[in-house]
Amino acid sequence: MTDPRAEALQSLEGLLARADREPLDAHACARMVELTGLVPGWIKRVAHALSAQRSAAAVDALRRMQPGVPGVVEGLYQAFAHGVVRSRPGEADSPVLLALDFRRSRSRGFEDLLDRAHAVFGDGFEPLRVGGKLHYRIALFGGRGTLAGRAAAISNDLVWLHAKLARLKGTRLWLNGWSFASDGPFKAPVQAHLVGGWLSWAATQTQTVSAAR
C-alpha cells in the first residue's frame, strides 16, 4: 500500500528543490501549501520558499497560510516592497494601487477620521453606495507627477488613517489587486507591515507621468 504522507513528502521535496532554481507557477505554489496538510512539519520551509519567490503566484499561496507561520508576513512584505501586482491568466494585471474601503461608523471620532481622509486624499476620496449603505474609499495610485512624490506627501497621514480605519468592522485594505479584510486573518498590525512595504516600493517610483490613470 502507498503511504500518502510519504508521497506528499516526496512531492513537496521536489517542489522545494524547484523553488530554489526557478519561479514557480500558481499551481505549484498552491500545491506546496496543500501538501503541508499531510506534512505539517514542513510548513515553515514552504513559507520561506514562497517568500523568496516574490511573485503573484506566491502571494496567492501565502494568503492561504496563517500569518503566524514564520515567513508568511515577511514574504508578503517582500512582494509588495518589490512592486508585485496581482495577475491571472487571460486578464490584465491589476493596477498599482493602495486603497482602503470602509463603512460609515458610529464609533467615537469617526467624523474626524472622515474629515481627515477627505482632506488628505482629495480626489482620491470617494463615497460609495454598497447594498444601499454608505461606504468610503481612499486610494493612492499613479497620477500626475511621480508616485514617489504623491506617496511622500501623504504617507504619514495614510499610515495613521490605516491604523485607525483597519480596526473598524468591514474595512478592507487593497494592495495591487489583493484585499485584506479587517475581520480576516491578516489583522491591522500585520497589514501595517504590508502598507510599509508598499510605501517603500512607491518611494522608488520616480518616473514622471503627465496624466492620471
N, C-alpha and C. Protein backbone atom coordinates (compact mmCIF):
# COMPACT_ATOMS: atom_id res chain seq x y z
N MET A 1 0.84 -1.20 0.00
CA MET A 1 0.00 0.00 0.00
C MET A 1 0.88 1.25 0.00
N THR A 2 0.41 2.25 -0.70
CA THR A 2 1.16 3.50 -0.75
C THR A 2 0.91 4.30 0.53
N ASP A 3 1.89 5.06 0.90
CA ASP A 3 1.80 5.90 2.10
C ASP A 3 1.56 7.34 1.64
N PRO A 4 0.36 7.88 1.84
CA PRO A 4 0.06 9.24 1.37
C PRO A 4 1.03 10.28 1.91
N ARG A 5 1.45 10.10 3.16
CA ARG A 5 2.37 11.08 3.73
C ARG A 5 3.73 11.02 3.04
N ALA A 6 4.18 9.81 2.75
CA ALA A 6 5.47 9.65 2.08
C ALA A 6 5.41 10.24 0.67
N GLU A 7 4.30 10.01 -0.01
CA GLU A 7 4.14 10.57 -1.35
C GLU A 7 4.10 12.09 -1.30
N ALA A 8 3.38 12.63 -0.31
CA ALA A 8 3.28 14.08 -0.17
C ALA A 8 4.65 14.68 0.12
N LEU A 9 5.42 14.01 0.97
CA LEU A 9 6.76 14.49 1.30
C LEU A 9 7.66 14.49 0.08
N GLN A 10 7.58 13.45 -0.72
CA GLN A 10 8.39 13.37 -1.93
C GLN A 10 8.02 14.49 -2.90
N SER A 11 6.72 14.72 -3.08
CA SER A 11 6.27 15.79 -3.97
C SER A 11 6.72 17.15 -3.46
N LEU A 12 6.60 17.33 -2.14
CA LEU A 12 6.97 18.61 -1.55
C LEU A 12 8.47 18.86 -1.68
N GLU A 13 9.27 17.84 -1.46
CA GLU A 13 10.72 17.99 -1.61
C GLU A 13 11.08 18.40 -3.05
N GLY A 14 10.37 17.82 -4.03
CA GLY A 14 10.61 18.16 -5.41
C GLY A 14 10.25 19.61 -5.72
N LEU A 15 9.13 20.07 -5.18
CA LEU A 15 8.70 21.44 -5.41
C LEU A 15 9.63 22.44 -4.73
N LEU A 16 10.08 22.10 -3.54
CA LEU A 16 11.02 22.99 -2.84
C LEU A 16 12.35 23.09 -3.58
N ALA A 17 12.78 21.98 -4.15
CA ALA A 17 14.02 22.00 -4.94
C ALA A 17 13.84 22.87 -6.18
N ARG A 18 12.68 22.77 -6.81
CA ARG A 18 12.40 23.63 -7.97
C ARG A 18 12.37 25.10 -7.58
N ALA A 19 11.80 25.38 -6.42
CA ALA A 19 11.69 26.77 -5.97
C ALA A 19 13.05 27.41 -5.77
N ASP A 20 14.05 26.60 -5.47
CA ASP A 20 15.41 27.11 -5.32
C ASP A 20 16.04 27.47 -6.66
N ARG A 21 15.49 26.89 -7.74
CA ARG A 21 16.11 27.06 -9.06
C ARG A 21 15.35 28.01 -9.99
N GLU A 22 14.04 28.11 -9.81
CA GLU A 22 13.22 28.81 -10.80
C GLU A 22 11.93 29.33 -10.19
N PRO A 23 11.28 30.30 -10.86
CA PRO A 23 9.96 30.76 -10.40
C PRO A 23 8.93 29.63 -10.55
N LEU A 24 8.06 29.52 -9.59
CA LEU A 24 7.00 28.52 -9.64
C LEU A 24 5.71 29.13 -10.14
N ASP A 25 4.92 28.34 -10.87
CA ASP A 25 3.63 28.84 -11.34
C ASP A 25 2.60 28.74 -10.22
N ALA A 26 1.40 29.24 -10.50
CA ALA A 26 0.35 29.30 -9.47
C ALA A 26 0.00 27.91 -8.95
N HIS A 27 -0.06 26.92 -9.85
CA HIS A 27 -0.42 25.56 -9.43
C HIS A 27 0.63 25.00 -8.46
N ALA A 28 1.90 25.19 -8.78
CA ALA A 28 2.97 24.65 -7.93
C ALA A 28 2.97 25.32 -6.56
N CYS A 29 2.77 26.65 -6.53
CA CYS A 29 2.74 27.36 -5.24
C CYS A 29 1.58 26.89 -4.39
N ALA A 30 0.41 26.77 -5.01
CA ALA A 30 -0.77 26.32 -4.26
C ALA A 30 -0.60 24.87 -3.80
N ARG A 31 0.04 24.06 -4.63
CA ARG A 31 0.24 22.65 -4.28
C ARG A 31 1.13 22.52 -3.06
N MET A 32 2.15 23.35 -2.94
CA MET A 32 3.02 23.28 -1.77
C MET A 32 2.22 23.53 -0.49
N VAL A 33 1.36 24.53 -0.53
CA VAL A 33 0.55 24.83 0.66
C VAL A 33 -0.38 23.65 0.96
N GLU A 34 -0.98 23.09 -0.08
CA GLU A 34 -1.89 21.96 0.11
C GLU A 34 -1.18 20.77 0.74
N LEU A 35 0.04 20.52 0.31
CA LEU A 35 0.78 19.36 0.81
C LEU A 35 1.16 19.48 2.28
N THR A 36 1.24 20.70 2.80
CA THR A 36 1.56 20.86 4.22
C THR A 36 0.47 20.28 5.12
N GLY A 37 -0.70 20.04 4.55
CA GLY A 37 -1.75 19.39 5.33
C GLY A 37 -1.38 17.97 5.71
N LEU A 38 -0.54 17.33 4.87
CA LEU A 38 -0.09 15.96 5.15
C LEU A 38 1.27 15.93 5.83
N VAL A 39 2.07 16.97 5.60
CA VAL A 39 3.40 17.04 6.23
C VAL A 39 3.55 18.41 6.91
N PRO A 40 2.79 18.61 8.00
CA PRO A 40 2.78 19.93 8.64
C PRO A 40 4.13 20.38 9.19
N GLY A 41 5.01 19.45 9.44
CA GLY A 41 6.33 19.83 9.95
C GLY A 41 7.17 20.61 8.96
N TRP A 42 6.73 20.66 7.71
CA TRP A 42 7.46 21.36 6.67
C TRP A 42 6.85 22.73 6.35
N ILE A 43 5.89 23.16 7.10
CA ILE A 43 5.16 24.37 6.75
C ILE A 43 6.06 25.61 6.75
N LYS A 44 7.03 25.67 7.68
CA LYS A 44 7.93 26.82 7.71
C LYS A 44 8.81 26.86 6.47
N ARG A 45 9.26 25.69 6.02
CA ARG A 45 10.09 25.65 4.82
C ARG A 45 9.29 26.12 3.60
N VAL A 46 8.04 25.72 3.55
CA VAL A 46 7.18 26.15 2.44
C VAL A 46 7.00 27.66 2.47
N ALA A 47 6.73 28.20 3.64
CA ALA A 47 6.53 29.65 3.76
C ALA A 47 7.77 30.41 3.32
N HIS A 48 8.94 29.94 3.72
CA HIS A 48 10.18 30.63 3.36
C HIS A 48 10.47 30.49 1.86
N ALA A 49 10.15 29.34 1.30
CA ALA A 49 10.35 29.15 -0.14
C ALA A 49 9.43 30.08 -0.93
N LEU A 50 8.18 30.19 -0.52
CA LEU A 50 7.25 31.09 -1.19
C LEU A 50 7.67 32.55 -0.99
N SER A 51 8.19 32.85 0.19
CA SER A 51 8.64 34.20 0.49
C SER A 51 9.72 34.65 -0.49
N ALA A 52 10.59 33.73 -0.85
CA ALA A 52 11.71 34.06 -1.75
C ALA A 52 11.26 34.23 -3.19
N GLN A 53 10.06 33.77 -3.54
CA GLN A 53 9.60 33.84 -4.92
C GLN A 53 9.26 35.28 -5.37
N ARG A 54 8.65 36.04 -4.48
CA ARG A 54 8.27 37.44 -4.80
C ARG A 54 7.50 37.52 -6.11
N SER A 55 6.42 36.74 -6.18
CA SER A 55 5.60 36.68 -7.39
C SER A 55 4.13 36.71 -7.01
N ALA A 56 3.28 36.98 -8.00
CA ALA A 56 1.84 36.99 -7.75
C ALA A 56 1.36 35.61 -7.31
N ALA A 57 1.90 34.56 -7.92
CA ALA A 57 1.52 33.20 -7.55
C ALA A 57 1.87 32.91 -6.10
N ALA A 58 3.04 33.38 -5.66
CA ALA A 58 3.46 33.16 -4.28
C ALA A 58 2.59 33.94 -3.30
N VAL A 59 2.21 35.17 -3.67
CA VAL A 59 1.34 35.95 -2.80
C VAL A 59 0.00 35.25 -2.62
N ASP A 60 -0.57 34.73 -3.71
CA ASP A 60 -1.84 34.00 -3.60
C ASP A 60 -1.70 32.82 -2.65
N ALA A 61 -0.57 32.11 -2.74
CA ALA A 61 -0.36 30.95 -1.87
C ALA A 61 -0.13 31.36 -0.43
N LEU A 62 0.67 32.38 -0.21
CA LEU A 62 0.95 32.84 1.16
C LEU A 62 -0.32 33.31 1.86
N ARG A 63 -1.24 33.90 1.11
CA ARG A 63 -2.50 34.36 1.70
C ARG A 63 -3.38 33.20 2.18
N ARG A 64 -3.08 31.99 1.74
CA ARG A 64 -3.83 30.82 2.19
C ARG A 64 -3.26 30.26 3.49
N MET A 65 -2.13 30.80 3.93
CA MET A 65 -1.48 30.33 5.15
C MET A 65 -1.80 31.28 6.30
N GLN A 66 -1.55 30.83 7.50
CA GLN A 66 -1.80 31.67 8.68
C GLN A 66 -0.65 32.67 8.86
N PRO A 67 -0.95 33.91 9.20
CA PRO A 67 0.11 34.91 9.34
C PRO A 67 1.11 34.61 10.44
N GLY A 68 0.75 33.75 11.37
CA GLY A 68 1.66 33.41 12.46
C GLY A 68 2.77 32.45 12.04
N VAL A 69 2.67 31.85 10.87
CA VAL A 69 3.72 30.95 10.40
C VAL A 69 4.93 31.78 9.98
N PRO A 70 6.10 31.51 10.54
CA PRO A 70 7.29 32.29 10.17
C PRO A 70 7.53 32.29 8.66
N GLY A 71 7.70 33.46 8.09
CA GLY A 71 7.94 33.59 6.67
C GLY A 71 6.75 34.12 5.89
N VAL A 72 5.54 33.97 6.41
CA VAL A 72 4.35 34.38 5.67
C VAL A 72 4.28 35.90 5.55
N VAL A 73 4.31 36.59 6.67
CA VAL A 73 4.21 38.06 6.63
C VAL A 73 5.43 38.65 5.93
N GLU A 74 6.61 38.11 6.21
CA GLU A 74 7.82 38.59 5.55
C GLU A 74 7.73 38.42 4.04
N GLY A 75 7.17 37.28 3.60
CA GLY A 75 7.02 37.04 2.17
C GLY A 75 6.09 38.03 1.51
N LEU A 76 4.98 38.33 2.17
CA LEU A 76 4.04 39.32 1.62
C LEU A 76 4.68 40.71 1.61
N TYR A 77 5.38 41.03 2.68
CA TYR A 77 6.07 42.33 2.75
C TYR A 77 7.05 42.46 1.58
N GLN A 78 7.87 41.44 1.36
CA GLN A 78 8.86 41.50 0.30
C GLN A 78 8.21 41.61 -1.08
N ALA A 79 7.09 40.93 -1.25
CA ALA A 79 6.40 41.01 -2.55
C ALA A 79 5.93 42.44 -2.82
N PHE A 80 5.32 43.07 -1.83
CA PHE A 80 4.83 44.43 -2.05
C PHE A 80 5.98 45.43 -2.09
N ALA A 81 7.06 45.15 -1.36
CA ALA A 81 8.23 46.02 -1.40
C ALA A 81 8.97 45.92 -2.73
N HIS A 82 8.61 44.93 -3.56
CA HIS A 82 9.19 44.78 -4.89
C HIS A 82 8.16 45.03 -6.00
N GLY A 83 7.01 45.60 -5.64
CA GLY A 83 6.05 46.02 -6.65
C GLY A 83 5.27 44.91 -7.32
N VAL A 84 5.14 43.74 -6.68
CA VAL A 84 4.38 42.64 -7.27
C VAL A 84 2.90 43.02 -7.35
N VAL A 85 2.27 42.77 -8.50
CA VAL A 85 0.85 43.04 -8.68
C VAL A 85 0.12 41.75 -9.01
N ARG A 86 -1.16 41.71 -8.71
CA ARG A 86 -1.95 40.51 -8.96
C ARG A 86 -2.12 40.30 -10.46
N SER A 87 -1.98 39.06 -10.88
CA SER A 87 -2.16 38.74 -12.30
C SER A 87 -2.83 37.38 -12.41
N ARG A 88 -3.68 37.26 -13.43
CA ARG A 88 -4.35 35.99 -13.69
C ARG A 88 -4.27 35.71 -15.19
N PRO A 89 -4.18 34.43 -15.57
CA PRO A 89 -4.09 34.09 -16.99
C PRO A 89 -5.27 34.67 -17.77
N GLY A 90 -4.99 35.32 -18.88
CA GLY A 90 -6.04 35.86 -19.73
C GLY A 90 -6.60 37.19 -19.27
N GLU A 91 -6.07 37.74 -18.17
CA GLU A 91 -6.57 39.01 -17.66
C GLU A 91 -5.41 40.00 -17.57
N ALA A 92 -5.75 41.28 -17.66
CA ALA A 92 -4.74 42.32 -17.48
C ALA A 92 -4.27 42.33 -16.03
N ASP A 93 -3.02 42.69 -15.81
CA ASP A 93 -2.52 42.80 -14.44
C ASP A 93 -3.30 43.87 -13.68
N SER A 94 -3.45 43.67 -12.39
CA SER A 94 -4.11 44.68 -11.55
C SER A 94 -3.26 45.94 -11.53
N PRO A 95 -3.89 47.10 -11.37
CA PRO A 95 -3.11 48.34 -11.30
C PRO A 95 -2.35 48.46 -9.99
N VAL A 96 -1.28 49.21 -10.03
CA VAL A 96 -0.55 49.54 -8.80
C VAL A 96 -1.45 50.46 -7.98
N LEU A 97 -1.77 50.04 -6.77
CA LEU A 97 -2.78 50.76 -6.01
C LEU A 97 -2.72 50.40 -4.54
N LEU A 98 -2.85 51.40 -3.68
CA LEU A 98 -3.09 51.20 -2.25
C LEU A 98 -4.40 51.90 -1.94
N ALA A 99 -5.35 51.17 -1.40
CA ALA A 99 -6.66 51.76 -1.12
C ALA A 99 -7.25 51.18 0.16
N LEU A 100 -8.17 51.93 0.73
CA LEU A 100 -8.94 51.46 1.88
C LEU A 100 -10.42 51.69 1.60
N ASP A 101 -11.22 50.63 1.71
CA ASP A 101 -12.67 50.73 1.67
C ASP A 101 -13.17 50.61 3.10
N PHE A 102 -14.05 51.49 3.51
CA PHE A 102 -14.55 51.38 4.88
C PHE A 102 -15.99 51.88 4.97
N ARG A 103 -16.70 51.37 5.96
CA ARG A 103 -18.09 51.71 6.15
C ARG A 103 -18.24 52.97 7.01
N ARG A 104 -19.40 53.57 6.89
CA ARG A 104 -19.73 54.62 7.86
C ARG A 104 -19.88 53.99 9.23
N SER A 105 -19.39 54.66 10.24
CA SER A 105 -19.38 54.10 11.59
C SER A 105 -19.94 55.10 12.60
N ARG A 106 -20.50 54.54 13.66
CA ARG A 106 -20.99 55.38 14.75
C ARG A 106 -19.97 55.50 15.87
N SER A 107 -18.80 54.94 15.64
CA SER A 107 -17.77 54.97 16.67
C SER A 107 -17.30 56.40 16.93
N ARG A 108 -16.86 56.62 18.16
CA ARG A 108 -16.40 57.94 18.56
C ARG A 108 -15.19 58.36 17.72
N GLY A 109 -15.25 59.57 17.21
CA GLY A 109 -14.14 60.10 16.44
C GLY A 109 -14.19 59.78 14.96
N PHE A 110 -15.23 59.05 14.52
CA PHE A 110 -15.26 58.67 13.11
C PHE A 110 -15.38 59.88 12.19
N GLU A 111 -16.18 60.86 12.59
CA GLU A 111 -16.35 62.03 11.73
C GLU A 111 -15.03 62.77 11.53
N ASP A 112 -14.20 62.80 12.58
CA ASP A 112 -12.88 63.43 12.45
C ASP A 112 -12.00 62.62 11.50
N LEU A 113 -12.09 61.30 11.58
CA LEU A 113 -11.34 60.45 10.65
C LEU A 113 -11.78 60.71 9.21
N LEU A 114 -13.08 60.81 9.04
CA LEU A 114 -13.63 61.04 7.70
C LEU A 114 -13.15 62.38 7.14
N ASP A 115 -13.19 63.41 7.97
CA ASP A 115 -12.74 64.73 7.53
C ASP A 115 -11.26 64.71 7.15
N ARG A 116 -10.47 64.02 7.94
CA ARG A 116 -9.03 63.96 7.65
C ARG A 116 -8.76 63.17 6.38
N ALA A 117 -9.48 62.06 6.20
CA ALA A 117 -9.32 61.27 4.98
C ALA A 117 -9.66 62.09 3.75
N HIS A 118 -10.73 62.85 3.83
CA HIS A 118 -11.13 63.70 2.70
C HIS A 118 -10.09 64.78 2.43
N ALA A 119 -9.60 65.40 3.48
CA ALA A 119 -8.61 66.47 3.33
C ALA A 119 -7.29 65.94 2.75
N VAL A 120 -6.88 64.76 3.18
CA VAL A 120 -5.58 64.21 2.75
C VAL A 120 -5.65 63.68 1.32
N PHE A 121 -6.71 62.97 0.98
CA PHE A 121 -6.76 62.29 -0.30
C PHE A 121 -7.40 63.10 -1.42
N GLY A 122 -8.19 64.10 -1.08
CA GLY A 122 -8.76 64.95 -2.13
C GLY A 122 -9.52 64.14 -3.16
N ASP A 123 -9.04 64.15 -4.42
CA ASP A 123 -9.72 63.41 -5.49
C ASP A 123 -9.65 61.90 -5.28
N GLY A 124 -8.75 61.45 -4.41
CA GLY A 124 -8.66 60.02 -4.12
C GLY A 124 -9.62 59.57 -3.04
N PHE A 125 -10.51 60.46 -2.63
CA PHE A 125 -11.56 60.13 -1.64
C PHE A 125 -12.86 59.99 -2.40
N GLU A 126 -13.57 58.88 -2.17
CA GLU A 126 -14.79 58.62 -2.95
C GLU A 126 -15.87 57.99 -2.07
N PRO A 127 -17.05 58.64 -1.96
CA PRO A 127 -18.18 58.00 -1.28
C PRO A 127 -18.80 56.95 -2.22
N LEU A 128 -19.24 55.84 -1.65
CA LEU A 128 -19.81 54.75 -2.44
C LEU A 128 -21.10 54.26 -1.80
N ARG A 129 -21.99 53.75 -2.64
CA ARG A 129 -23.19 53.09 -2.15
C ARG A 129 -23.05 51.60 -2.42
N VAL A 130 -23.03 50.81 -1.37
CA VAL A 130 -22.89 49.36 -1.49
C VAL A 130 -24.06 48.71 -0.78
N GLY A 131 -24.94 48.07 -1.55
CA GLY A 131 -26.13 47.46 -0.95
C GLY A 131 -27.01 48.47 -0.25
N GLY A 132 -27.04 49.70 -0.78
CA GLY A 132 -27.85 50.74 -0.19
C GLY A 132 -27.24 51.43 1.00
N LYS A 133 -26.04 51.01 1.40
CA LYS A 133 -25.38 51.60 2.57
C LYS A 133 -24.18 52.43 2.12
N LEU A 134 -23.89 53.46 2.90
CA LEU A 134 -22.81 54.36 2.55
C LEU A 134 -21.45 53.81 2.98
N HIS A 135 -20.53 53.74 2.03
CA HIS A 135 -19.15 53.37 2.27
C HIS A 135 -18.25 54.47 1.73
N TYR A 136 -16.96 54.34 2.02
CA TYR A 136 -15.99 55.31 1.51
C TYR A 136 -14.77 54.57 0.99
N ARG A 137 -14.07 55.24 0.10
CA ARG A 137 -12.85 54.65 -0.45
C ARG A 137 -11.81 55.75 -0.58
N ILE A 138 -10.60 55.45 -0.06
CA ILE A 138 -9.48 56.35 -0.26
C ILE A 138 -8.40 55.56 -0.98
N ALA A 139 -7.73 56.21 -1.93
CA ALA A 139 -6.80 55.47 -2.78
C ALA A 139 -5.59 56.30 -3.15
N LEU A 140 -4.46 55.61 -3.24
CA LEU A 140 -3.21 56.20 -3.70
C LEU A 140 -2.74 55.38 -4.89
N PHE A 141 -2.56 56.05 -6.02
CA PHE A 141 -2.17 55.35 -7.25
C PHE A 141 -1.38 56.30 -8.12
N GLY A 142 -0.89 55.79 -9.23
CA GLY A 142 -0.12 56.63 -10.14
C GLY A 142 -0.97 57.76 -10.69
N GLY A 143 -0.35 58.89 -10.94
CA GLY A 143 -1.06 60.02 -11.49
C GLY A 143 -0.09 61.09 -11.92
N ARG A 144 -0.56 62.31 -11.97
CA ARG A 144 0.30 63.41 -12.39
C ARG A 144 1.51 63.53 -11.46
N GLY A 145 2.67 63.77 -12.04
CA GLY A 145 3.90 63.81 -11.26
C GLY A 145 4.47 62.41 -11.10
N THR A 146 4.97 62.11 -9.93
CA THR A 146 5.53 60.78 -9.68
C THR A 146 4.78 60.12 -8.53
N LEU A 147 4.75 58.78 -8.56
CA LEU A 147 4.13 58.06 -7.45
C LEU A 147 4.93 58.30 -6.18
N ALA A 148 6.26 58.39 -6.31
CA ALA A 148 7.09 58.66 -5.14
C ALA A 148 6.70 59.97 -4.49
N GLY A 149 6.48 61.00 -5.29
CA GLY A 149 6.10 62.30 -4.74
C GLY A 149 4.73 62.27 -4.10
N ARG A 150 3.79 61.59 -4.75
CA ARG A 150 2.43 61.51 -4.20
C ARG A 150 2.42 60.74 -2.89
N ALA A 151 3.19 59.63 -2.85
CA ALA A 151 3.24 58.83 -1.64
C ALA A 151 3.91 59.58 -0.50
N ALA A 152 5.01 60.28 -0.81
CA ALA A 152 5.73 61.01 0.23
C ALA A 152 4.87 62.10 0.85
N ALA A 153 4.02 62.72 0.04
CA ALA A 153 3.20 63.83 0.53
C ALA A 153 2.16 63.39 1.56
N ILE A 154 1.71 62.13 1.46
CA ILE A 154 0.61 61.71 2.34
C ILE A 154 0.94 60.46 3.15
N SER A 155 2.16 59.95 3.07
CA SER A 155 2.46 58.65 3.69
C SER A 155 2.20 58.64 5.20
N ASN A 156 2.59 59.70 5.89
CA ASN A 156 2.37 59.73 7.34
C ASN A 156 0.88 59.72 7.68
N ASP A 157 0.11 60.52 6.93
CA ASP A 157 -1.34 60.54 7.15
C ASP A 157 -1.96 59.20 6.79
N LEU A 158 -1.47 58.59 5.71
CA LEU A 158 -2.02 57.31 5.28
C LEU A 158 -1.80 56.24 6.33
N VAL A 159 -0.59 56.18 6.86
CA VAL A 159 -0.28 55.19 7.90
C VAL A 159 -1.16 55.41 9.13
N TRP A 160 -1.35 56.66 9.50
CA TRP A 160 -2.18 56.97 10.66
C TRP A 160 -3.64 56.59 10.40
N LEU A 161 -4.14 56.92 9.23
CA LEU A 161 -5.53 56.60 8.89
C LEU A 161 -5.73 55.09 8.83
N HIS A 162 -4.78 54.39 8.25
CA HIS A 162 -4.90 52.93 8.19
C HIS A 162 -4.97 52.33 9.59
N ALA A 163 -4.12 52.81 10.49
CA ALA A 163 -4.10 52.28 11.85
C ALA A 163 -5.45 52.43 12.53
N LYS A 164 -6.14 53.53 12.24
CA LYS A 164 -7.46 53.77 12.83
C LYS A 164 -8.56 53.01 12.10
N LEU A 165 -8.57 53.12 10.76
CA LEU A 165 -9.66 52.54 9.99
C LEU A 165 -9.62 51.03 9.93
N ALA A 166 -8.42 50.45 9.94
CA ALA A 166 -8.29 48.99 9.82
C ALA A 166 -8.86 48.26 11.03
N ARG A 167 -9.11 48.97 12.09
CA ARG A 167 -9.69 48.35 13.29
C ARG A 167 -11.22 48.39 13.28
N LEU A 168 -11.79 49.04 12.27
CA LEU A 168 -13.24 49.11 12.16
C LEU A 168 -13.77 47.91 11.38
N LYS A 169 -14.90 47.39 11.79
CA LYS A 169 -15.51 46.25 11.11
C LYS A 169 -15.85 46.63 9.68
N GLY A 170 -15.51 45.74 8.76
CA GLY A 170 -15.87 45.97 7.36
C GLY A 170 -14.83 46.69 6.53
N THR A 171 -13.73 47.14 7.15
CA THR A 171 -12.69 47.83 6.39
C THR A 171 -11.85 46.81 5.61
N ARG A 172 -11.49 47.19 4.39
CA ARG A 172 -10.62 46.34 3.56
C ARG A 172 -9.46 47.17 3.05
N LEU A 173 -8.27 46.61 3.20
CA LEU A 173 -7.06 47.19 2.62
C LEU A 173 -6.84 46.52 1.27
N TRP A 174 -6.58 47.35 0.25
CA TRP A 174 -6.28 46.85 -1.09
C TRP A 174 -4.84 47.20 -1.44
N LEU A 175 -4.08 46.20 -1.87
CA LEU A 175 -2.70 46.39 -2.30
C LEU A 175 -2.50 45.68 -3.63
N ASN A 176 -2.34 46.45 -4.69
CA ASN A 176 -2.02 45.92 -6.02
C ASN A 176 -2.94 44.77 -6.46
N GLY A 177 -4.22 44.86 -6.10
CA GLY A 177 -5.19 43.87 -6.54
C GLY A 177 -5.62 42.86 -5.49
N TRP A 178 -4.91 42.78 -4.38
CA TRP A 178 -5.29 41.87 -3.29
C TRP A 178 -5.97 42.65 -2.17
N SER A 179 -6.94 42.04 -1.53
CA SER A 179 -7.63 42.69 -0.42
C SER A 179 -7.37 41.95 0.88
N PHE A 180 -7.32 42.72 1.96
CA PHE A 180 -7.11 42.19 3.31
C PHE A 180 -8.19 42.79 4.20
N ALA A 181 -9.14 41.97 4.62
CA ALA A 181 -10.28 42.45 5.40
C ALA A 181 -9.91 42.59 6.87
N SER A 182 -10.52 43.58 7.52
CA SER A 182 -10.22 43.83 8.93
C SER A 182 -10.63 42.65 9.81
N ASP A 183 -11.62 41.86 9.36
CA ASP A 183 -12.05 40.70 10.15
C ASP A 183 -11.48 39.39 9.61
N GLY A 184 -10.48 39.48 8.73
CA GLY A 184 -9.81 38.29 8.22
C GLY A 184 -8.61 37.93 9.06
N PRO A 185 -7.82 36.95 8.63
CA PRO A 185 -6.67 36.50 9.43
C PRO A 185 -5.54 37.53 9.50
N PHE A 186 -5.45 38.41 8.50
CA PHE A 186 -4.37 39.40 8.48
C PHE A 186 -4.89 40.70 9.10
N LYS A 187 -4.72 40.81 10.41
CA LYS A 187 -5.28 41.92 11.18
C LYS A 187 -4.47 43.20 10.97
N ALA A 188 -4.97 44.28 11.59
CA ALA A 188 -4.38 45.61 11.40
C ALA A 188 -2.87 45.66 11.64
N PRO A 189 -2.33 45.06 12.71
CA PRO A 189 -0.88 45.14 12.92
C PRO A 189 -0.07 44.49 11.79
N VAL A 190 -0.58 43.38 11.26
CA VAL A 190 0.09 42.73 10.13
C VAL A 190 -0.04 43.59 8.88
N GLN A 191 -1.24 44.10 8.65
CA GLN A 191 -1.46 44.96 7.49
C GLN A 191 -0.52 46.16 7.49
N ALA A 192 -0.23 46.67 8.68
CA ALA A 192 0.66 47.84 8.78
C ALA A 192 2.02 47.54 8.16
N HIS A 193 2.52 46.33 8.35
CA HIS A 193 3.80 45.95 7.73
C HIS A 193 3.68 45.93 6.21
N LEU A 194 2.56 45.44 5.72
CA LEU A 194 2.37 45.36 4.26
C LEU A 194 2.24 46.75 3.66
N VAL A 195 1.55 47.64 4.35
CA VAL A 195 1.47 49.03 3.91
C VAL A 195 2.87 49.64 3.85
N GLY A 196 3.68 49.36 4.86
CA GLY A 196 5.04 49.87 4.88
C GLY A 196 5.86 49.35 3.71
N GLY A 197 5.68 48.08 3.36
CA GLY A 197 6.39 47.52 2.22
C GLY A 197 5.98 48.19 0.92
N TRP A 198 4.68 48.38 0.73
CA TRP A 198 4.19 49.04 -0.48
C TRP A 198 4.71 50.47 -0.57
N LEU A 199 4.70 51.19 0.53
CA LEU A 199 5.18 52.57 0.52
C LEU A 199 6.68 52.65 0.25
N SER A 200 7.43 51.67 0.75
CA SER A 200 8.87 51.67 0.48
C SER A 200 9.13 51.48 -1.01
N TRP A 201 8.31 50.66 -1.67
CA TRP A 201 8.45 50.49 -3.12
C TRP A 201 8.01 51.76 -3.84
N ALA A 202 6.87 52.34 -3.42
CA ALA A 202 6.36 53.55 -4.07
C ALA A 202 7.40 54.67 -4.03
N ALA A 203 8.18 54.72 -2.96
CA ALA A 203 9.20 55.77 -2.81
C ALA A 203 10.27 55.69 -3.88
N THR A 204 10.37 54.55 -4.57
CA THR A 204 11.38 54.39 -5.62
C THR A 204 10.83 54.70 -7.00
N GLN A 205 9.54 54.98 -7.09
CA GLN A 205 8.90 55.18 -8.40
C GLN A 205 8.95 56.66 -8.78
N THR A 206 10.06 57.05 -9.37
CA THR A 206 10.34 58.46 -9.64
C THR A 206 10.13 58.87 -11.08
N GLN A 207 9.56 57.96 -11.88
CA GLN A 207 9.28 58.31 -13.29
C GLN A 207 8.08 59.24 -13.35
N THR A 208 8.21 60.34 -14.05
CA THR A 208 7.16 61.32 -14.16
C THR A 208 6.18 60.96 -15.27
N VAL A 209 4.87 61.05 -14.94
CA VAL A 209 3.83 60.84 -15.94
C VAL A 209 3.02 62.12 -16.06
N SER A 210 2.32 62.30 -17.18
CA SER A 210 1.68 63.58 -17.44
C SER A 210 0.20 63.61 -17.11
N ALA A 211 -0.40 62.44 -16.91
CA ALA A 211 -1.84 62.43 -16.67
C ALA A 211 -2.19 61.32 -15.72
N ALA A 212 -3.32 61.48 -15.00
CA ALA A 212 -3.77 60.47 -14.06
C ALA A 212 -4.21 59.23 -14.81
N ARG A 213 -4.19 58.10 -14.10
CA ARG A 213 -4.63 56.85 -14.71
C ARG A 213 -6.12 56.94 -15.04
